[in-house]
All heavy atoms as atom14 arrays in JSON, in Angstrom:
{
  "sequence": "TCFVGDRTGEAMLSTLIDRAQALDIPYRENVMITR",
  "atom14_mask": [
    [1, 1, 1, 1, 1, 1, 1, 0, 0, 0, 0, 0, 0, 0],
    [1, 1, 1, 1, 1, 1, 0, 0, 0, 0, 0, 0, 0, 0],
    [1, 1, 1, 1, 1, 1, 1, 1, 1, 1, 1, 0, 0, 0],
    [1, 1, 1, 1, 1, 1, 1, 0, 0, 0, 0, 0, 0, 0],
    [1, 1, 1, 1, 0, 0, 0, 0, 0, 0, 0, 0, 0, 0],
    [1, 1, 1, 1, 1, 1, 1, 1, 0, 0, 0, 0, 0, 0],
    [1, 1, 1, 1, 1, 1, 1, 1, 1, 1, 1, 0, 0, 0],
    [1, 1, 1, 1, 1, 1, 1, 0, 0, 0, 0, 0, 0, 0],
    [1, 1, 1, 1, 0, 0, 0, 0, 0, 0, 0, 0, 0, 0],
    [1, 1, 1, 1, 1, 1, 1, 1, 1, 0, 0, 0, 0, 0],
    [1, 1, 1, 1, 1, 0, 0, 0, 0, 0, 0, 0, 0, 0],
    [1, 1, 1, 1, 1, 1, 1, 1, 0, 0, 0, 0, 0, 0],
    [1, 1, 1, 1, 1, 1, 1, 1, 0, 0, 0, 0, 0, 0],
    [1, 1, 1, 1, 1, 1, 0, 0, 0, 0, 0, 0, 0, 0],
    [1, 1, 1, 1, 1, 1, 1, 0, 0, 0, 0, 0, 0, 0],
    [1, 1, 1, 1, 1, 1, 1, 1, 0, 0, 0, 0, 0, 0],
    [1, 1, 1, 1, 1, 1, 1, 1, 0, 0, 0, 0, 0, 0],
    [1, 1, 1, 1, 1, 1, 1, 1, 0, 0, 0, 0, 0, 0],
    [1, 1, 1, 1, 1, 1, 1, 1, 1, 1, 1, 0, 0, 0],
    [1, 1, 1, 1, 1, 0, 0, 0, 0, 0, 0, 0, 0, 0],
    [1, 1, 1, 1, 1, 1, 1, 1, 1, 0, 0, 0, 0, 0],
    [1, 1, 1, 1, 1, 0, 0, 0, 0, 0, 0, 0, 0, 0],
    [1, 1, 1, 1, 1, 1, 1, 1, 0, 0, 0, 0, 0, 0],
    [1, 1, 1, 1, 1, 1, 1, 1, 0, 0, 0, 0, 0, 0],
    [1, 1, 1, 1, 1, 1, 1, 1, 0, 0, 0, 0, 0, 0],
    [1, 1, 1, 1, 1, 1, 1, 0, 0, 0, 0, 0, 0, 0],
    [1, 1, 1, 1, 1, 1, 1, 1, 1, 1, 1, 1, 0, 0],
    [1, 1, 1, 1, 1, 1, 1, 1, 1, 1, 1, 0, 0, 0],
    [1, 1, 1, 1, 1, 1, 1, 1, 1, 0, 0, 0, 0, 0],
    [1, 1, 1, 1, 1, 1, 1, 1, 0, 0, 0, 0, 0, 0],
    [1, 1, 1, 1, 1, 1, 1, 0, 0, 0, 0, 0, 0, 0],
    [1, 1, 1, 1, 1, 1, 1, 1, 0, 0, 0, 0, 0, 0],
    [1, 1, 1, 1, 1, 1, 1, 1, 0, 0, 0, 0, 0, 0],
    [1, 1, 1, 1, 1, 1, 1, 0, 0, 0, 0, 0, 0, 0],
    [1, 1, 1, 1, 1, 1, 1, 1, 1, 1, 1, 0, 0, 0]
  ],
  "atom14_positions": [
    [[92.49, 150.62, -22.53], [92.08, 151.55, -23.55], [92.92, 152.8, -23.52], [92.86, 153.63, -22.57], [90.58, 151.93, -23.3], [89.87, 150.66, -23.28], [90.11, 152.77, -24.49], [0.0, 0.0, 0.0], [0.0, 0.0, 0.0], [0.0, 0.0, 0.0], [0.0, 0.0, 0.0], [0.0, 0.0, 0.0], [0.0, 0.0, 0.0], [0.0, 0.0, 0.0]],
    [[93.7, 152.97, -24.57], [94.57, 154.19, -24.73], [93.66, 155.34, -25.27], [92.69, 155.06, -25.91], [95.65, 153.92, -25.76], [96.61, 152.45, -25.47], [0.0, 0.0, 0.0], [0.0, 0.0, 0.0], [0.0, 0.0, 0.0], [0.0, 0.0, 0.0], [0.0, 0.0, 0.0], [0.0, 0.0, 0.0], [0.0, 0.0, 0.0], [0.0, 0.0, 0.0]],
    [[93.98, 156.54, -24.93], [93.03, 157.67, -25.21], [93.76, 158.92, -25.32], [94.89, 159.17, -24.89], [91.98, 157.74, -24.11], [92.53, 157.95, -22.68], [92.65, 159.25, -22.22], [92.99, 156.93, -21.91], [93.15, 159.5, -20.98], [93.43, 157.11, -20.64], [93.55, 158.46, -20.13], [0.0, 0.0, 0.0], [0.0, 0.0, 0.0], [0.0, 0.0, 0.0]],
    [[93.06, 159.86, -26.06], [93.44, 161.29, -26.12], [92.25, 162.06, -25.56], [91.31, 162.44, -26.33], [93.77, 161.69, -27.57], [94.19, 163.14, -27.55], [94.83, 160.79, -28.25], [0.0, 0.0, 0.0], [0.0, 0.0, 0.0], [0.0, 0.0, 0.0], [0.0, 0.0, 0.0], [0.0, 0.0, 0.0], [0.0, 0.0, 0.0], [0.0, 0.0, 0.0]],
    [[92.15, 162.25, -24.31], [90.96, 162.83, -23.62], [89.71, 162.05, -24.04], [89.69, 160.82, -23.97], [0.0, 0.0, 0.0], [0.0, 0.0, 0.0], [0.0, 0.0, 0.0], [0.0, 0.0, 0.0], [0.0, 0.0, 0.0], [0.0, 0.0, 0.0], [0.0, 0.0, 0.0], [0.0, 0.0, 0.0], [0.0, 0.0, 0.0], [0.0, 0.0, 0.0]],
    [[88.77, 162.77, -24.59], [87.61, 162.09, -25.19], [87.44, 162.51, -26.61], [86.34, 162.73, -27.16], [86.36, 162.44, -24.38], [86.05, 163.94, -24.27], [86.88, 164.72, -24.79], [85.0, 164.32, -23.69], [0.0, 0.0, 0.0], [0.0, 0.0, 0.0], [0.0, 0.0, 0.0], [0.0, 0.0, 0.0], [0.0, 0.0, 0.0], [0.0, 0.0, 0.0]],
    [[88.58, 162.58, -27.3], [88.6, 162.87, -28.77], [89.6, 162.0, -29.44], [90.31, 162.38, -30.36], [88.95, 164.32, -29.07], [90.22, 164.79, -28.47], [90.48, 166.26, -28.78], [91.91, 166.63, -28.53], [92.85, 166.53, -29.43], [92.66, 165.99, -30.66], [94.1, 166.82, -29.12], [0.0, 0.0, 0.0], [0.0, 0.0, 0.0], [0.0, 0.0, 0.0]],
    [[89.63, 160.74, -29.04], [90.61, 159.79, -29.55], [90.56, 159.52, -31.1], [91.52, 159.61, -31.75], [90.53, 158.46, -28.86], [90.5, 158.67, -27.41], [91.7, 157.54, -29.19], [0.0, 0.0, 0.0], [0.0, 0.0, 0.0], [0.0, 0.0, 0.0], [0.0, 0.0, 0.0], [0.0, 0.0, 0.0], [0.0, 0.0, 0.0], [0.0, 0.0, 0.0]],
    [[89.35, 159.29, -31.54], [89.16, 159.08, -32.99], [89.59, 160.28, -33.82], [90.27, 160.08, -34.87], [0.0, 0.0, 0.0], [0.0, 0.0, 0.0], [0.0, 0.0, 0.0], [0.0, 0.0, 0.0], [0.0, 0.0, 0.0], [0.0, 0.0, 0.0], [0.0, 0.0, 0.0], [0.0, 0.0, 0.0], [0.0, 0.0, 0.0], [0.0, 0.0, 0.0]],
    [[89.27, 161.45, -33.4], [89.65, 162.71, -34.09], [91.18, 162.78, -34.23], [91.77, 163.03, -35.25], [89.01, 163.86, -33.38], [89.45, 165.21, -33.98], [88.93, 166.42, -33.22], [88.08, 166.14, -32.28], [89.36, 167.54, -33.42], [0.0, 0.0, 0.0], [0.0, 0.0, 0.0], [0.0, 0.0, 0.0], [0.0, 0.0, 0.0], [0.0, 0.0, 0.0]],
    [[91.84, 162.57, -33.08], [93.36, 162.69, -32.98], [93.96, 161.59, -33.85], [94.95, 161.91, -34.55], [93.78, 162.63, -31.56], [0.0, 0.0, 0.0], [0.0, 0.0, 0.0], [0.0, 0.0, 0.0], [0.0, 0.0, 0.0], [0.0, 0.0, 0.0], [0.0, 0.0, 0.0], [0.0, 0.0, 0.0], [0.0, 0.0, 0.0], [0.0, 0.0, 0.0]],
    [[93.37, 160.41, -33.8], [93.94, 159.34, -34.59], [93.85, 159.55, -36.1], [94.75, 159.34, -36.88], [93.26, 158.01, -34.1], [93.66, 156.78, -34.85], [92.78, 155.39, -34.09], [92.7, 154.25, -35.5], [0.0, 0.0, 0.0], [0.0, 0.0, 0.0], [0.0, 0.0, 0.0], [0.0, 0.0, 0.0], [0.0, 0.0, 0.0], [0.0, 0.0, 0.0]],
    [[92.65, 159.95, -36.5], [92.42, 160.22, -37.94], [93.31, 161.34, -38.46], [93.83, 161.25, -39.57], [90.94, 160.51, -38.19], [90.57, 160.74, -39.71], [90.89, 159.44, -40.53], [89.14, 161.12, -39.89], [0.0, 0.0, 0.0], [0.0, 0.0, 0.0], [0.0, 0.0, 0.0], [0.0, 0.0, 0.0], [0.0, 0.0, 0.0], [0.0, 0.0, 0.0]],
    [[93.49, 162.38, -37.65], [94.28, 163.46, -38.02], [95.77, 163.0, -38.26], [96.39, 163.34, -39.2], [94.37, 164.57, -36.99], [95.21, 165.57, -37.21], [0.0, 0.0, 0.0], [0.0, 0.0, 0.0], [0.0, 0.0, 0.0], [0.0, 0.0, 0.0], [0.0, 0.0, 0.0], [0.0, 0.0, 0.0], [0.0, 0.0, 0.0], [0.0, 0.0, 0.0]],
    [[96.23, 162.06, -37.4], [97.55, 161.47, -37.58], [97.67, 160.64, -38.87], [98.67, 160.78, -39.6], [97.84, 160.57, -36.31], [97.84, 161.33, -35.16], [99.17, 159.89, -36.5], [0.0, 0.0, 0.0], [0.0, 0.0, 0.0], [0.0, 0.0, 0.0], [0.0, 0.0, 0.0], [0.0, 0.0, 0.0], [0.0, 0.0, 0.0], [0.0, 0.0, 0.0]],
    [[96.61, 159.93, -39.12], [96.67, 159.01, -40.4], [96.6, 159.92, -41.61], [97.23, 159.56, -42.62], [95.47, 158.04, -40.32], [95.57, 156.95, -39.21], [94.27, 156.13, -39.14], [96.79, 156.0, -39.54], [0.0, 0.0, 0.0], [0.0, 0.0, 0.0], [0.0, 0.0, 0.0], [0.0, 0.0, 0.0], [0.0, 0.0, 0.0], [0.0, 0.0, 0.0]],
    [[95.79, 160.91, -41.58], [95.72, 161.85, -42.71], [97.07, 162.49, -42.93], [97.56, 162.61, -44.14], [94.65, 162.88, -42.56], [93.26, 162.22, -42.7], [94.76, 163.99, -43.55], [92.08, 163.11, -42.43], [0.0, 0.0, 0.0], [0.0, 0.0, 0.0], [0.0, 0.0, 0.0], [0.0, 0.0, 0.0], [0.0, 0.0, 0.0], [0.0, 0.0, 0.0]],
    [[97.7, 162.93, -41.85], [99.0, 163.6, -41.99], [100.02, 162.54, -42.62], [100.84, 162.93, -43.49], [99.61, 164.03, -40.69], [98.85, 165.28, -40.09], [98.1, 165.89, -40.92], [99.02, 165.58, -38.93], [0.0, 0.0, 0.0], [0.0, 0.0, 0.0], [0.0, 0.0, 0.0], [0.0, 0.0, 0.0], [0.0, 0.0, 0.0], [0.0, 0.0, 0.0]],
    [[99.96, 161.3, -42.23], [100.9, 160.34, -42.76], [100.52, 160.03, -44.27], [101.44, 159.97, -45.1], [100.69, 159.02, -42.01], [101.52, 157.85, -42.47], [103.01, 158.13, -42.42], [103.81, 157.01, -42.8], [105.1, 157.04, -43.17], [105.75, 158.21, -43.01], [105.77, 155.97, -43.58], [0.0, 0.0, 0.0], [0.0, 0.0, 0.0], [0.0, 0.0, 0.0]],
    [[99.25, 160.01, -44.57], [98.8, 159.8, -45.99], [99.36, 160.95, -46.88], [99.83, 160.79, -47.96], [97.35, 159.63, -46.08], [0.0, 0.0, 0.0], [0.0, 0.0, 0.0], [0.0, 0.0, 0.0], [0.0, 0.0, 0.0], [0.0, 0.0, 0.0], [0.0, 0.0, 0.0], [0.0, 0.0, 0.0], [0.0, 0.0, 0.0], [0.0, 0.0, 0.0]],
    [[99.19, 162.19, -46.39], [99.7, 163.32, -47.17], [101.14, 163.39, -47.34], [101.64, 163.76, -48.39], [99.14, 164.63, -46.44], [97.66, 164.8, -46.56], [97.16, 166.0, -45.87], [97.73, 166.49, -44.87], [95.97, 166.57, -46.25], [0.0, 0.0, 0.0], [0.0, 0.0, 0.0], [0.0, 0.0, 0.0], [0.0, 0.0, 0.0], [0.0, 0.0, 0.0]],
    [[101.84, 162.93, -46.28], [103.38, 162.85, -46.42], [103.75, 161.79, -47.52], [104.85, 161.94, -48.08], [103.93, 162.4, -45.06], [0.0, 0.0, 0.0], [0.0, 0.0, 0.0], [0.0, 0.0, 0.0], [0.0, 0.0, 0.0], [0.0, 0.0, 0.0], [0.0, 0.0, 0.0], [0.0, 0.0, 0.0], [0.0, 0.0, 0.0], [0.0, 0.0, 0.0]],
    [[102.85, 160.83, -47.74], [103.15, 159.84, -48.77], [102.49, 160.21, -50.11], [102.51, 159.39, -51.09], [102.53, 158.49, -48.36], [103.26, 157.82, -47.17], [102.43, 156.64, -46.54], [104.67, 157.34, -47.5], [0.0, 0.0, 0.0], [0.0, 0.0, 0.0], [0.0, 0.0, 0.0], [0.0, 0.0, 0.0], [0.0, 0.0, 0.0], [0.0, 0.0, 0.0]],
    [[101.95, 161.39, -50.2], [101.3, 161.87, -51.42], [100.19, 160.99, -51.91], [100.05, 160.78, -53.23], [102.39, 162.11, -52.57], [103.43, 163.22, -52.22], [102.96, 164.24, -51.55], [104.55, 163.02, -52.45], [0.0, 0.0, 0.0], [0.0, 0.0, 0.0], [0.0, 0.0, 0.0], [0.0, 0.0, 0.0], [0.0, 0.0, 0.0], [0.0, 0.0, 0.0]],
    [[99.4, 160.48, -51.07], [98.3, 159.67, -51.51], [97.19, 160.55, -51.97], [96.7, 161.44, -51.26], [97.76, 158.79, -50.26], [98.84, 157.81, -49.85], [96.53, 158.05, -50.64], [98.59, 157.0, -48.63], [0.0, 0.0, 0.0], [0.0, 0.0, 0.0], [0.0, 0.0, 0.0], [0.0, 0.0, 0.0], [0.0, 0.0, 0.0], [0.0, 0.0, 0.0]],
    [[96.71, 160.37, -53.16], [95.64, 161.3, -53.68], [94.25, 160.97, -52.92], [94.02, 159.87, -52.66], [95.55, 160.92, -55.17], [96.17, 159.58, -55.28], [97.16, 159.44, -54.2], [0.0, 0.0, 0.0], [0.0, 0.0, 0.0], [0.0, 0.0, 0.0], [0.0, 0.0, 0.0], [0.0, 0.0, 0.0], [0.0, 0.0, 0.0], [0.0, 0.0, 0.0]],
    [[93.48, 162.04, -52.92], [92.19, 161.96, -52.17], [91.24, 162.72, -52.97], [91.49, 163.76, -53.47], [92.32, 162.46, -50.81], [90.96, 162.46, -50.08], [90.51, 161.37, -49.4], [90.21, 163.63, -50.05], [89.26, 161.33, -48.77], [88.92, 163.6, -49.41], [88.49, 162.49, -48.75], [87.3, 162.47, -48.11], [0.0, 0.0, 0.0], [0.0, 0.0, 0.0]],
    [[90.03, 162.15, -53.1], [88.96, 162.91, -53.77], [87.78, 162.95, -52.87], [87.26, 161.87, -52.41], [88.63, 162.23, -55.13], [87.54, 162.98, -55.91], [87.64, 162.61, -57.4], [86.68, 163.44, -58.13], [86.7, 163.57, -59.46], [87.56, 162.93, -60.22], [85.82, 164.28, -60.06], [0.0, 0.0, 0.0], [0.0, 0.0, 0.0], [0.0, 0.0, 0.0]],
    [[87.24, 164.13, -52.56], [86.19, 164.28, -51.65], [84.88, 164.51, -52.33], [84.79, 164.81, -53.49], [86.45, 165.4, -50.67], [86.64, 166.74, -51.27], [87.14, 167.85, -50.34], [87.55, 167.47, -49.24], [87.21, 168.99, -50.77], [0.0, 0.0, 0.0], [0.0, 0.0, 0.0], [0.0, 0.0, 0.0], [0.0, 0.0, 0.0], [0.0, 0.0, 0.0]],
    [[83.79, 164.4, -51.55], [82.41, 164.6, -52.09], [82.07, 163.76, -53.27], [81.48, 164.2, -54.2], [82.23, 166.14, -52.37], [82.42, 167.05, -51.2], [81.86, 166.76, -50.16], [83.22, 168.05, -51.39], [0.0, 0.0, 0.0], [0.0, 0.0, 0.0], [0.0, 0.0, 0.0], [0.0, 0.0, 0.0], [0.0, 0.0, 0.0], [0.0, 0.0, 0.0]],
    [[82.38, 162.46, -53.03], [82.07, 161.47, -54.11], [81.14, 160.39, -53.56], [81.5, 159.85, -52.45], [83.34, 160.78, -54.74], [82.97, 159.61, -55.57], [84.14, 161.85, -55.42], [0.0, 0.0, 0.0], [0.0, 0.0, 0.0], [0.0, 0.0, 0.0], [0.0, 0.0, 0.0], [0.0, 0.0, 0.0], [0.0, 0.0, 0.0], [0.0, 0.0, 0.0]],
    [[80.09, 160.02, -54.21], [79.2, 158.93, -53.69], [79.24, 157.84, -54.78], [78.99, 158.1, -55.94], [77.79, 159.46, -53.54], [76.96, 158.54, -52.74], [75.39, 159.37, -52.23], [74.71, 158.22, -51.06], [0.0, 0.0, 0.0], [0.0, 0.0, 0.0], [0.0, 0.0, 0.0], [0.0, 0.0, 0.0], [0.0, 0.0, 0.0], [0.0, 0.0, 0.0]],
    [[79.56, 156.63, -54.31], [79.57, 155.44, -55.17], [78.18, 154.81, -55.01], [77.63, 154.55, -53.97], [80.68, 154.48, -54.76], [81.99, 155.12, -54.93], [80.53, 153.2, -55.54], [82.34, 155.52, -56.36], [0.0, 0.0, 0.0], [0.0, 0.0, 0.0], [0.0, 0.0, 0.0], [0.0, 0.0, 0.0], [0.0, 0.0, 0.0], [0.0, 0.0, 0.0]],
    [[77.59, 154.49, -56.13], [76.23, 153.89, -56.23], [76.24, 152.48, -56.79], [75.27, 151.77, -56.53], [75.27, 154.73, -57.07], [75.78, 154.75, -58.42], [75.18, 156.13, -56.59], [0.0, 0.0, 0.0], [0.0, 0.0, 0.0], [0.0, 0.0, 0.0], [0.0, 0.0, 0.0], [0.0, 0.0, 0.0], [0.0, 0.0, 0.0], [0.0, 0.0, 0.0]],
    [[77.35, 152.02, -57.37], [77.39, 150.67, -57.9], [78.86, 150.29, -58.14], [79.64, 151.07, -58.53], [76.67, 150.64, -59.28], [76.7, 149.24, -59.91], [76.1, 149.31, -61.31], [76.13, 148.02, -61.97], [75.24, 147.1, -61.95], [74.14, 147.28, -61.21], [75.31, 145.93, -62.6], [0.0, 0.0, 0.0], [0.0, 0.0, 0.0], [0.0, 0.0, 0.0]]
  ]
}
């Protein structure tokens, strides 16, 4: 099990978001899908 202290998920998601932003992937927040 590879790790970043005890905040592995947080560090990993931050990395993925940085990569997504570098690729200009659009994101829309505070949206709830019901159907």
